[in-house]
Amino acid sequence: MCKISLELVPREEGEFRLQLQSVTEFKDKIDVINVPDLLRLSIRSWEGAVIANENFPAVMPHIRAMDIDLSKPLPICDYLREHNIKEVLVIEGDPPQDMMHEVFPTESTDVIRKFRAEMPEIKVYAGLDQYRGSMRHEYRRCERKLLAGAVGFFTQPFFDMRFLEMYSDMLSGFNVFWGVSPVLSERSRNYWERKNNVIFPKSFEPTLNWSIDFAKKVLDFAEKNEENLYLMPIKSNLLEYVKGVLK
């Protein structure tokens, strides 16, 4: 059965609540709300997940591996248990701009293993970045994360069905949420090309219609193959994008 996850960024509590309320009409289609952990924001991912839980029964805060000191117990165990949060997504995390924020040389596999040891009731998902290197090396990373205790993966956004299908063949049998995200300007396209090494297909257009049509193709693919969809409506009209994909 295809599951659909929607990522919402908790930039400010009032705005975040309005975003959640605006998509409640799709509550029967959205299975889980993903909440990123951005250090520049005042709301951490697990706090945002608790807010999202008021509207949606399943939430998934992102946990930055580099914030975790392996010599100490997981710092949010009590919080997650108190608020009945059952799933997390462990990512490497970007280096903080605030040099006073302490980070550690901790990898995702370390944190996945630590969750399995200290909070075995939590389902831990891992990130998959199809642009950081070769497919072979990313596959090996996935294998290590599975061995550490991950139950599935959330990918970076795809923009080309051929590339997605290649990854799907390679990851056959894995529990994967295929990522999609709207790119609505040439500036945004240039960001993805320079920052994440994305190669867009010739058919690509930086429009909402193109992004919605592509997301619907990925949704059809996920439904046919009993896989999952990960919507990341970055810098777009949230309701227009979600409605276009899920209506």
C-alpha atoms as a PDB file:
ATOM      1  CA  MET A   1       0.000   0.000   0.000  1.00  0.00           C
ATOM      2  CA  CYS A   2       1.383   3.402  -1.047  1.00  0.00           C
ATOM      3  CA  LYS A   3       1.972   5.870   1.783  1.00  0.00           C
ATOM      4  CA  ILE A   4       2.265   9.623   1.338  1.00  0.00           C
ATOM      5  CA  SER A   5       4.425  11.836   3.526  1.00  0.00           C
ATOM      6  CA  LEU A   6       4.260  15.640   3.476  1.00  0.00           C
ATOM      7  CA  GLU A   7       7.153  17.772   4.699  1.00  0.00           C
ATOM      8  CA  LEU A   8       6.265  21.014   6.472  1.00  0.00           C
ATOM      9  CA  VAL A   9       8.847  23.432   7.876  1.00  0.00           C
ATOM     10  CA  PRO A  10       7.937  24.978  11.279  1.00  0.00           C
ATOM     11  CA  ARG A  11       9.209  28.493  10.535  1.00  0.00           C
ATOM     12  CA  GLU A  12       6.894  30.147  13.057  1.00  0.00           C
ATOM     13  CA  GLU A  13       4.215  28.531  15.215  1.00  0.00           C
ATOM     14  CA  GLY A  14       1.228  30.520  13.985  1.00  0.00           C
ATOM     15  CA  GLU A  15       2.152  30.077  10.322  1.00  0.00           C
ATOM     16  CA  PHE A  16       2.896  26.398  10.899  1.00  0.00           C
ATOM     17  CA  ARG A  17      -0.536  25.818  12.438  1.00  0.00           C
ATOM     18  CA  LEU A  18      -2.187  27.563   9.490  1.00  0.00           C
ATOM     19  CA  GLN A  19      -0.278  25.340   7.040  1.00  0.00           C
ATOM     20  CA  LEU A  20      -1.369  22.230   8.911  1.00  0.00           C
ATOM     21  CA  GLN A  21      -4.960  23.390   8.980  1.00  0.00           C
ATOM     22  CA  SER A  22      -4.918  24.179   5.254  1.00  0.00           C
ATOM     23  CA  VAL A  23      -4.079  20.592   4.280  1.00  0.00           C
ATOM     24  CA  THR A  24      -6.409  18.799   6.694  1.00  0.00           C
ATOM     25  CA  GLU A  25      -8.829  18.237   3.803  1.00  0.00           C
ATOM     26  CA  PHE A  26      -6.269  15.680   2.574  1.00  0.00           C
ATOM     27  CA  LYS A  27      -6.015  13.978   5.962  1.00  0.00           C
ATOM     28  CA  ASP A  28      -7.291  10.727   4.470  1.00  0.00           C
ATOM     29  CA  LYS A  29      -4.461  10.712   1.911  1.00  0.00           C
ATOM     30  CA  ILE A  30      -1.498  12.075   3.884  1.00  0.00           C
ATOM     31  CA  ASP A  31      -0.119   9.320   6.114  1.00  0.00           C
ATOM     32  CA  VAL A  32       2.643  11.189   7.947  1.00  0.00           C
ATOM     33  CA  ILE A  33       3.920  14.753   8.411  1.00  0.00           C
ATOM     34  CA  ASN A  34       7.702  15.115   8.210  1.00  0.00           C
ATOM     35  CA  VAL A  35       9.211  17.985  10.204  1.00  0.00           C
ATOM     36  CA  PRO A  36      12.759  19.140   9.324  1.00  0.00           C
ATOM     37  CA  ASP A  37      15.165  20.347  12.013  1.00  0.00           C
ATOM     38  CA  LEU A  38      16.593  23.727  10.941  1.00  0.00           C
ATOM     39  CA  LEU A  39      18.851  25.385  13.472  1.00  0.00           C
ATOM     40  CA  ARG A  40      18.037  28.904  12.268  1.00  0.00           C
ATOM     41  CA  LEU A  41      14.441  28.388  13.416  1.00  0.00           C
ATOM     42  CA  SER A  42      13.210  28.652  16.998  1.00  0.00           C
ATOM     43  CA  ILE A  43      11.077  25.486  16.729  1.00  0.00           C
ATOM     44  CA  ARG A  44      13.015  22.233  16.734  1.00  0.00           C
ATOM     45  CA  SER A  45      11.698  19.311  14.714  1.00  0.00           C
ATOM     46  CA  TRP A  46      10.368  17.326  17.681  1.00  0.00           C
ATOM     47  CA  GLU A  47       8.504  20.400  18.943  1.00  0.00           C
ATOM     48  CA  GLY A  48       7.016  20.938  15.490  1.00  0.00           C
ATOM     49  CA  ALA A  49       6.042  17.272  15.362  1.00  0.00           C
ATOM     50  CA  VAL A  50       4.006  17.663  18.553  1.00  0.00           C
ATOM     51  CA  ILE A  51       2.176  20.638  17.015  1.00  0.00           C
ATOM     52  CA  ALA A  52       1.545  18.677  13.803  1.00  0.00           C
ATOM     53  CA  ASN A  53       0.241  15.765  15.850  1.00  0.00           C
ATOM     54  CA  GLU A  54      -2.758  17.884  16.826  1.00  0.00           C
ATOM     55  CA  ASN A  55      -3.973  17.630  13.200  1.00  0.00           C
ATOM     56  CA  PHE A  56      -2.331  14.434  11.946  1.00  0.00           C
ATOM     57  CA  PRO A  57      -1.975  11.144  13.849  1.00  0.00           C
ATOM     58  CA  ALA A  58       1.471  10.248  12.456  1.00  0.00           C
ATOM     59  CA  VAL A  59       4.429  12.619  12.592  1.00  0.00           C
ATOM     60  CA  MET A  60       8.146  12.192  11.947  1.00  0.00           C
ATOM     61  CA  PRO A  61      10.718  14.679  13.285  1.00  0.00           C
ATOM     62  CA  HIS A  62      14.138  14.823  11.620  1.00  0.00           C
ATOM     63  CA  ILE A  63      17.130  14.138  13.866  1.00  0.00           C
ATOM     64  CA  ARG A  64      20.523  15.621  12.947  1.00  0.00           C
ATOM     65  CA  ALA A  65      23.246  13.020  13.513  1.00  0.00           C
ATOM     66  CA  MET A  66      25.966  15.607  14.092  1.00  0.00           C
ATOM     67  CA  ASP A  67      24.038  16.997  17.082  1.00  0.00           C
ATOM     68  CA  ILE A  68      24.202  13.683  18.950  1.00  0.00           C
ATOM     69  CA  ASP A  69      26.982  12.995  21.461  1.00  0.00           C
ATOM     70  CA  LEU A  70      27.406   9.223  21.410  1.00  0.00           C
ATOM     71  CA  SER A  71      28.946   9.231  24.895  1.00  0.00           C
ATOM     72  CA  LYS A  72      25.638  10.379  26.404  1.00  0.00           C
ATOM     73  CA  PRO A  73      22.063   9.023  26.330  1.00  0.00           C
ATOM     74  CA  LEU A  74      19.824  10.267  23.531  1.00  0.00           C
ATOM     75  CA  PRO A  75      18.811  13.749  24.711  1.00  0.00           C
ATOM     76  CA  ILE A  76      15.193  13.607  23.512  1.00  0.00           C
ATOM     77  CA  CYS A  77      14.161  10.149  24.725  1.00  0.00           C
ATOM     78  CA  ASP A  78      11.836  11.445  27.410  1.00  0.00           C
ATOM     79  CA  TYR A  79      10.307  14.042  25.097  1.00  0.00           C
ATOM     80  CA  LEU A  80       9.545  11.538  22.344  1.00  0.00           C
ATOM     81  CA  ARG A  81       8.035   9.070  24.807  1.00  0.00           C
ATOM     82  CA  GLU A  82       6.025  11.716  26.625  1.00  0.00           C
ATOM     83  CA  HIS A  83       4.445  12.844  23.350  1.00  0.00           C
ATOM     84  CA  ASN A  84       4.041   9.348  21.897  1.00  0.00           C
ATOM     85  CA  ILE A  85       6.175  10.003  18.822  1.00  0.00           C
ATOM     86  CA  LYS A  86       6.835   6.641  17.176  1.00  0.00           C
ATOM     87  CA  GLU A  87       8.959   7.466  14.103  1.00  0.00           C
ATOM     88  CA  VAL A  88      12.010   9.601  13.342  1.00  0.00           C
ATOM     89  CA  LEU A  89      14.120  10.341  10.269  1.00  0.00           C
ATOM     90  CA  VAL A  90      17.853  10.437  10.950  1.00  0.00           C
ATOM     91  CA  ILE A  91      19.911  12.649   8.626  1.00  0.00           C
ATOM     92  CA  GLU A  92      23.553  13.739   8.686  1.00  0.00           C
ATOM     93  CA  GLY A  93      22.667  17.431   9.068  1.00  0.00           C
ATOM     94  CA  ASP A  94      24.287  20.565   7.680  1.00  0.00           C
ATOM     95  CA  PRO A  95      27.065  22.281   9.657  1.00  0.00           C
ATOM     96  CA  PRO A  96      25.639  25.084  11.822  1.00  0.00           C
ATOM     97  CA  GLN A  97      26.263  28.721  10.907  1.00  0.00           C
ATOM     98  CA  ASP A  98      26.344  29.543  14.599  1.00  0.00           C
ATOM     99  CA  MET A  99      29.814  28.450  15.684  1.00  0.00           C
ATOM    100  CA  MET A 100      28.619  28.254  19.293  1.00  0.00           C
ATOM    101  CA  HIS A 101      26.368  25.323  18.388  1.00  0.00           C
ATOM    102  CA  GLU A 102      28.258  22.190  19.385  1.00  0.00           C
ATOM    103  CA  VAL A 103      28.445  19.356  16.865  1.00  0.00           C
ATOM    104  CA  PHE A 104      30.071  15.927  16.944  1.00  0.00           C
ATOM    105  CA  PRO A 105      31.721  13.599  14.389  1.00  0.00           C
ATOM    106  CA  THR A 106      28.640  11.369  14.555  1.00  0.00           C
ATOM    107  CA  GLU A 107      27.303   9.541  11.498  1.00  0.00           C
ATOM    108  CA  SER A 108      23.741   8.539  10.728  1.00  0.00           C
ATOM    109  CA  THR A 109      24.498   4.849  11.261  1.00  0.00           C
ATOM    110  CA  ASP A 110      25.740   5.645  14.778  1.00  0.00           C
ATOM    111  CA  VAL A 111      22.498   7.383  15.679  1.00  0.00           C
ATOM    112  CA  ILE A 112      20.320   4.700  14.082  1.00  0.00           C
ATOM    113  CA  ARG A 113      22.143   2.093  16.147  1.00  0.00           C
ATOM    114  CA  LYS A 114      21.780   4.250  19.271  1.00  0.00           C
ATOM    115  CA  PHE A 115      18.014   4.521  18.770  1.00  0.00           C
ATOM    116  CA  ARG A 116      17.788   0.755  18.376  1.00  0.00           C
ATOM    117  CA  ALA A 117      19.651   0.294  21.664  1.00  0.00           C
ATOM    118  CA  GLU A 118      17.992   3.025  23.737  1.00  0.00           C
ATOM    119  CA  MET A 119      14.544   3.399  22.128  1.00  0.00           C
ATOM    120  CA  PRO A 120      13.769   0.103  20.364  1.00  0.00           C
ATOM    121  CA  GLU A 121      10.088   1.058  20.114  1.00  0.00           C
ATOM    122  CA  ILE A 122      10.931   3.860  17.661  1.00  0.00           C
ATOM    123  CA  LYS A 123      10.885   3.217  13.912  1.00  0.00           C
ATOM    124  CA  VAL A 124      13.976   4.875  12.477  1.00  0.00           C
ATOM    125  CA  TYR A 125      14.128   5.964   8.847  1.00  0.00           C
ATOM    126  CA  ALA A 126      17.272   7.149   7.093  1.00  0.00           C
ATOM    127  CA  GLY A 127      18.051   9.640   4.375  1.00  0.00           C
ATOM    128  CA  LEU A 128      19.110   8.677   0.863  1.00  0.00           C
ATOM    129  CA  ASP A 129      20.949  11.236  -1.280  1.00  0.00           C
ATOM    130  CA  GLN A 130      21.045  10.064  -4.886  1.00  0.00           C
ATOM    131  CA  TYR A 131      23.196  13.047  -5.897  1.00  0.00           C
ATOM    132  CA  ARG A 132      26.124  12.785  -3.477  1.00  0.00           C
ATOM    133  CA  GLY A 133      28.036  10.099  -5.342  1.00  0.00           C
ATOM    134  CA  SER A 134      27.740   6.938  -7.380  1.00  0.00           C
ATOM    135  CA  MET A 135      24.710   4.667  -7.194  1.00  0.00           C
ATOM    136  CA  ARG A 136      26.944   1.851  -5.979  1.00  0.00           C
ATOM    137  CA  HIS A 137      28.281   3.899  -3.061  1.00  0.00           C
ATOM    138  CA  GLU A 138      24.798   5.103  -2.089  1.00  0.00           C
ATOM    139  CA  TYR A 139      23.543   1.518  -2.168  1.00  0.00           C
ATOM    140  CA  ARG A 140      26.337   0.523   0.238  1.00  0.00           C
ATOM    141  CA  ARG A 141      25.342   3.375   2.535  1.00  0.00           C
ATOM    142  CA  CYS A 142      21.770   2.093   2.503  1.00  0.00           C
ATOM    143  CA  GLU A 143      22.935  -1.412   3.359  1.00  0.00           C
ATOM    144  CA  ARG A 144      24.903  -0.115   6.341  1.00  0.00           C
ATOM    145  CA  LYS A 145      21.920   1.879   7.561  1.00  0.00           C
ATOM    146  CA  LEU A 146      19.672  -1.171   7.300  1.00  0.00           C
ATOM    147  CA  LEU A 147      22.178  -3.215   9.279  1.00  0.00           C
ATOM    148  CA  ALA A 148      22.227  -0.465  11.914  1.00  0.00           C
ATOM    149  CA  GLY A 149      18.448  -0.752  12.282  1.00  0.00           C
ATOM    150  CA  ALA A 150      16.807   1.584   9.747  1.00  0.00           C
ATOM    151  CA  VAL A 151      13.383   0.454   8.516  1.00  0.00           C
ATOM    152  CA  GLY A 152      13.273   2.562   5.343  1.00  0.00           C
ATOM    153  CA  PHE A 153      14.520   5.574   3.418  1.00  0.00           C
ATOM    154  CA  PHE A 154      13.483   9.064   2.361  1.00  0.00           C
ATOM    155  CA  THR A 155      15.196  10.301  -0.798  1.00  0.00           C
ATOM    156  CA  GLN A 156      16.201  13.718  -2.013  1.00  0.00           C
ATOM    157  CA  PRO A 157      13.805  15.063  -4.679  1.00  0.00           C
ATOM    158  CA  PHE A 158      13.806  13.365  -8.064  1.00  0.00           C
ATOM    159  CA  PHE A 159      13.174  15.271 -11.292  1.00  0.00           C
ATOM    160  CA  ASP A 160      13.633  12.510 -13.843  1.00  0.00           C
ATOM    161  CA  MET A 161      11.556   9.309 -13.969  1.00  0.00           C
ATOM    162  CA  ARG A 162      14.347   7.397 -15.720  1.00  0.00           C
ATOM    163  CA  PHE A 163      16.732   8.102 -12.858  1.00  0.00           C
ATOM    164  CA  LEU A 164      14.080   7.182 -10.295  1.00  0.00           C
ATOM    165  CA  GLU A 165      13.336   3.895 -12.049  1.00  0.00           C
ATOM    166  CA  MET A 166      17.042   3.004 -12.004  1.00  0.00           C
ATOM    167  CA  TYR A 167      17.139   3.589  -8.254  1.00  0.00           C
ATOM    168  CA  SER A 168      13.921   1.636  -7.802  1.00  0.00           C
ATOM    169  CA  ASP A 169      15.457  -1.366  -9.563  1.00  0.00           C
ATOM    170  CA  MET A 170      18.570  -1.122  -7.400  1.00  0.00           C
ATOM    171  CA  LEU A 171      16.577  -0.774  -4.165  1.00  0.00           C
ATOM    172  CA  SER A 172      14.017  -3.464  -4.954  1.00  0.00           C
ATOM    173  CA  GLY A 173      12.562  -4.761  -1.704  1.00  0.00           C
ATOM    174  CA  PHE A 174      13.560  -1.667   0.297  1.00  0.00           C
ATOM    175  CA  ASN A 175      10.964   0.543   1.984  1.00  0.00           C
ATOM    176  CA  VAL A 176      11.442   3.851   0.117  1.00  0.00           C
ATOM    177  CA  PHE A 177       9.648   7.200   0.120  1.00  0.00           C
ATOM    178  CA  TRP A 178      10.434   8.771  -3.276  1.00  0.00           C
ATOM    179  CA  GLY A 179      10.986  12.504  -2.900  1.00  0.00           C
ATOM    180  CA  VAL A 180       9.551  15.206  -5.167  1.00  0.00           C
ATOM    181  CA  SER A 181       9.733  18.977  -4.823  1.00  0.00           C
ATOM    182  CA  PRO A 182       8.594  21.912  -6.963  1.00  0.00           C
ATOM    183  CA  VAL A 183      11.257  24.021  -8.683  1.00  0.00           C
ATOM    184  CA  LEU A 184       9.615  27.246  -9.804  1.00  0.00           C
ATOM    185  CA  SER A 185      12.371  29.534 -11.083  1.00  0.00           C
ATOM    186  CA  GLU A 186      15.669  29.483 -12.944  1.00  0.00           C
ATOM    187  CA  ARG A 187      17.343  30.636  -9.745  1.00  0.00           C
ATOM    188  CA  SER A 188      15.976  27.613  -7.899  1.00  0.00           C
ATOM    189  CA  ARG A 189      17.034  25.346 -10.748  1.00  0.00           C
ATOM    190  CA  ASN A 190      20.567  26.767 -10.592  1.00  0.00           C
ATOM    191  CA  TYR A 191      20.625  26.119  -6.846  1.00  0.00           C
ATOM    192  CA  TRP A 192      19.763  22.450  -7.320  1.00  0.00           C
ATOM    193  CA  GLU A 193      22.349  22.102 -10.084  1.00  0.00           C
ATOM    194  CA  ARG A 194      25.186  23.795  -8.178  1.00  0.00           C
ATOM    195  CA  LYS A 195      24.402  22.694  -4.616  1.00  0.00           C
ATOM    196  CA  ASN A 196      23.122  19.158  -5.210  1.00  0.00           C
ATOM    197  CA  ASN A 197      24.568  18.159  -8.614  1.00  0.00           C
ATOM    198  CA  VAL A 198      21.114  17.635 -10.120  1.00  0.00           C
ATOM    199  CA  ILE A 199      20.846  17.142 -13.886  1.00  0.00           C
ATOM    200  CA  PHE A 200      17.372  18.112 -15.038  1.00  0.00           C
ATOM    201  CA  PRO A 201      15.773  16.348 -18.023  1.00  0.00           C
ATOM    202  CA  LYS A 202      15.282  18.256 -21.275  1.00  0.00           C
ATOM    203  CA  SER A 203      11.525  18.265 -20.659  1.00  0.00           C
ATOM    204  CA  PHE A 204      11.915  20.168 -17.384  1.00  0.00           C
ATOM    205  CA  GLU A 205      10.186  23.528 -16.959  1.00  0.00           C
ATOM    206  CA  PRO A 206      10.453  25.693 -13.800  1.00  0.00           C
ATOM    207  CA  THR A 207       6.685  25.910 -13.422  1.00  0.00           C
ATOM    208  CA  LEU A 208       4.149  24.698 -10.907  1.00  0.00           C
ATOM    209  CA  ASN A 209       2.296  22.747 -13.589  1.00  0.00           C
ATOM    210  CA  TRP A 210       5.429  20.804 -14.561  1.00  0.00           C
ATOM    211  CA  SER A 211       6.214  20.048 -10.903  1.00  0.00           C
ATOM    212  CA  ILE A 212       2.666  18.874 -10.201  1.00  0.00           C
ATOM    213  CA  ASP A 213       2.570  16.687 -13.327  1.00  0.00           C
ATOM    214  CA  PHE A 214       5.897  15.102 -12.401  1.00  0.00           C
ATOM    215  CA  ALA A 215       4.808  14.462  -8.812  1.00  0.00           C
ATOM    216  CA  LYS A 216       1.656  12.758 -10.101  1.00  0.00           C
ATOM    217  CA  LYS A 217       3.800  10.497 -12.284  1.00  0.00           C
ATOM    218  CA  VAL A 218       5.865   9.528  -9.252  1.00  0.00           C
ATOM    219  CA  LEU A 219       2.684   8.923  -7.258  1.00  0.00           C
ATOM    220  CA  ASP A 220       1.344   6.651 -10.009  1.00  0.00           C
ATOM    221  CA  PHE A 221       4.660   4.799 -10.049  1.00  0.00           C
ATOM    222  CA  ALA A 222       4.636   4.422  -6.259  1.00  0.00           C
ATOM    223  CA  GLU A 223       1.058   3.127  -6.225  1.00  0.00           C
ATOM    224  CA  LYS A 224       1.746   0.573  -8.963  1.00  0.00           C
ATOM    225  CA  ASN A 225       4.871  -0.676  -7.218  1.00  0.00           C
ATOM    226  CA  GLU A 226       3.545  -0.499  -3.626  1.00  0.00           C
ATOM    227  CA  GLU A 227       6.111   2.144  -2.726  1.00  0.00           C
ATOM    228  CA  ASN A 228       5.728   5.595  -1.159  1.00  0.00           C
ATOM    229  CA  LEU A 229       5.740   9.315  -1.992  1.00  0.00           C
ATOM    230  CA  TYR A 230       7.511  12.137  -0.131  1.00  0.00           C
ATOM    231  CA  LEU A 231       6.151  15.610  -0.951  1.00  0.00           C
ATOM    232  CA  MET A 232       8.473  18.537  -0.195  1.00  0.00           C
ATOM    233  CA  PRO A 233       6.625  21.729  -1.216  1.00  0.00           C
ATOM    234  CA  ILE A 234       9.625  24.052  -0.848  1.00  0.00           C
ATOM    235  CA  LYS A 235       8.968  27.700  -1.774  1.00  0.00           C
ATOM    236  CA  SER A 236       5.611  27.070  -3.405  1.00  0.00           C
ATOM    237  CA  ASN A 237       1.960  27.632  -2.680  1.00  0.00           C
ATOM    238  CA  LEU A 238       1.438  24.733  -0.269  1.00  0.00           C
ATOM    239  CA  LEU A 239      -2.252  24.127  -0.812  1.00  0.00           C
ATOM    240  CA  GLU A 240      -2.108  24.619  -4.593  1.00  0.00           C
ATOM    241  CA  TYR A 241       0.744  22.125  -4.901  1.00  0.00           C
ATOM    242  CA  VAL A 242      -0.733  19.496  -2.571  1.00  0.00           C
ATOM    243  CA  LYS A 243      -4.172  19.827  -4.125  1.00  0.00           C
ATOM    244  CA  GLY A 244      -2.700  19.526  -7.626  1.00  0.00           C
ATOM    245  CA  VAL A 245      -0.882  16.299  -6.747  1.00  0.00           C
ATOM    246  CA  LEU A 246      -3.489  14.606  -4.558  1.00  0.00           C
ATOM    247  CA  LYS A 247      -6.851  15.695  -5.972  1.00  0.00           C
END
